[in-house]
C-alpha atoms as a PDB file:
ATOM      1  CA  MET A   1     -35.903 -45.941  27.198  1.00  0.00           C
ATOM      2  CA  GLN A   2     -36.825 -45.649  30.875  1.00  0.00           C
ATOM      3  CA  LEU A   3     -34.390 -42.753  31.364  1.00  0.00           C
ATOM      4  CA  LYS A   4     -35.924 -40.962  28.384  1.00  0.00           C
ATOM      5  CA  LEU A   5     -39.383 -41.481  29.882  1.00  0.00           C
ATOM      6  CA  LEU A   6     -38.308 -40.141  33.275  1.00  0.00           C
ATOM      7  CA  GLY A   7     -36.712 -37.125  31.634  1.00  0.00           C
ATOM      8  CA  HIS A   8     -39.881 -36.582  29.617  1.00  0.00           C
ATOM      9  CA  LEU A   9     -42.008 -36.598  32.773  1.00  0.00           C
ATOM     10  CA  ARG A  10     -39.807 -33.907  34.316  1.00  0.00           C
ATOM     11  CA  ALA A  11     -39.694 -31.897  31.098  1.00  0.00           C
ATOM     12  CA  MET A  12     -43.476 -31.978  30.667  1.00  0.00           C
ATOM     13  CA  ARG A  13     -43.972 -30.898  34.255  1.00  0.00           C
ATOM     14  CA  ALA A  14     -41.525 -28.010  33.866  1.00  0.00           C
ATOM     15  CA  GLU A  15     -42.944 -26.992  30.491  1.00  0.00           C
ATOM     16  CA  HIS A  16     -46.411 -26.704  32.042  1.00  0.00           C
ATOM     17  CA  CYS A  17     -45.109 -24.970  35.206  1.00  0.00           C
ATOM     18  CA  LYS A  18     -46.463 -27.715  37.443  1.00  0.00           C
ATOM     19  CA  THR A  19     -45.114 -29.029  40.711  1.00  0.00           C
ATOM     20  CA  GLN A  20     -44.914 -32.713  41.561  1.00  0.00           C
ATOM     21  CA  ASP A  21     -47.825 -32.097  43.923  1.00  0.00           C
ATOM     22  CA  ASP A  22     -49.910 -30.593  41.084  1.00  0.00           C
ATOM     23  CA  VAL A  23     -49.337 -33.628  38.867  1.00  0.00           C
ATOM     24  CA  ALA A  24     -49.905 -36.057  41.734  1.00  0.00           C
ATOM     25  CA  LYS A  25     -53.279 -34.471  42.485  1.00  0.00           C
ATOM     26  CA  GLY A  26     -54.190 -34.581  38.789  1.00  0.00           C
ATOM     27  CA  LEU A  27     -53.451 -38.313  38.760  1.00  0.00           C
ATOM     28  CA  ASN A  28     -55.144 -38.978  42.116  1.00  0.00           C
ATOM     29  CA  LEU A  29     -51.835 -40.068  43.641  1.00  0.00           C
ATOM     30  CA  SER A  30     -49.975 -38.927  46.706  1.00  0.00           C
ATOM     31  CA  ARG A  31     -46.967 -36.723  46.091  1.00  0.00           C
ATOM     32  CA  SER A  32     -44.673 -39.517  47.276  1.00  0.00           C
ATOM     33  CA  GLN A  33     -46.271 -41.957  44.808  1.00  0.00           C
ATOM     34  CA  TYR A  34     -45.762 -39.525  41.928  1.00  0.00           C
ATOM     35  CA  THR A  35     -42.213 -38.740  43.052  1.00  0.00           C
ATOM     36  CA  ALA A  36     -41.478 -42.495  42.980  1.00  0.00           C
ATOM     37  CA  LEU A  37     -42.843 -42.703  39.405  1.00  0.00           C
ATOM     38  CA  GLU A  38     -40.866 -39.690  38.208  1.00  0.00           C
ATOM     39  CA  GLY A  39     -37.738 -40.919  39.976  1.00  0.00           C
ATOM     40  CA  GLY A  40     -37.947 -44.420  38.521  1.00  0.00           C
ATOM     41  CA  ARG A  41     -38.503 -46.116  41.874  1.00  0.00           C
ATOM     42  CA  SER A  42     -41.983 -47.220  40.817  1.00  0.00           C
ATOM     43  CA  LEU A  43     -43.076 -48.465  37.411  1.00  0.00           C
ATOM     44  CA  LEU A  44     -45.497 -46.562  35.221  1.00  0.00           C
ATOM     45  CA  ASN A  45     -48.427 -48.599  33.997  1.00  0.00           C
ATOM     46  CA  VAL A  46     -50.827 -47.983  31.124  1.00  0.00           C
ATOM     47  CA  ASP A  47     -53.316 -46.258  33.431  1.00  0.00           C
ATOM     48  CA  HIS A  48     -50.605 -43.821  34.562  1.00  0.00           C
ATOM     49  CA  LEU A  49     -49.653 -43.059  30.944  1.00  0.00           C
ATOM     50  CA  CYS A  50     -53.286 -42.436  29.998  1.00  0.00           C
ATOM     51  CA  SER A  51     -53.788 -40.210  33.042  1.00  0.00           C
ATOM     52  CA  LEU A  52     -50.602 -38.255  32.311  1.00  0.00           C
ATOM     53  CA  ALA A  53     -51.635 -37.705  28.696  1.00  0.00           C
ATOM     54  CA  THR A  54     -55.047 -36.484  29.824  1.00  0.00           C
ATOM     55  CA  PHE A  55     -53.494 -34.249  32.486  1.00  0.00           C
ATOM     56  CA  TYR A  56     -51.302 -32.589  29.845  1.00  0.00           C
ATOM     57  CA  LYS A  57     -54.250 -32.425  27.381  1.00  0.00           C
ATOM     58  CA  GLN A  58     -52.673 -34.798  24.866  1.00  0.00           C
ATOM     59  CA  ASN A  59     -53.567 -38.186  23.534  1.00  0.00           C
ATOM     60  CA  VAL A  60     -51.302 -41.071  24.514  1.00  0.00           C
ATOM     61  CA  SER A  61     -49.579 -41.102  21.108  1.00  0.00           C
ATOM     62  CA  GLU A  62     -48.667 -37.419  21.437  1.00  0.00           C
ATOM     63  CA  PHE A  63     -47.448 -37.949  24.978  1.00  0.00           C
ATOM     64  CA  LEU A  64     -45.280 -40.923  24.029  1.00  0.00           C
ATOM     65  CA  ALA A  65     -43.938 -39.167  20.926  1.00  0.00           C
ATOM     66  CA  GLY A  66     -41.843 -37.045  23.280  1.00  0.00           C
ATOM     67  CA  ILE A  67     -39.775 -40.066  24.288  1.00  0.00           C
ATOM     68  CA  LEU A  68     -39.499 -42.019  21.063  1.00  0.00           C
END
């Protein structure tokens, strides 16, 4: 499931033509922190998932539907 989530993060970013820096700023993270999340070197928490859903203008259920 984690690999699907990581792939979904990359796919969402590409689909919205965003850079890692764009997403990091939207989540109030440094680029290196976001890169660690997207690369699986840091764990996503509920706050990150909520922030990502908001960033991509989705609710959390819609955001998670892409990986289930």
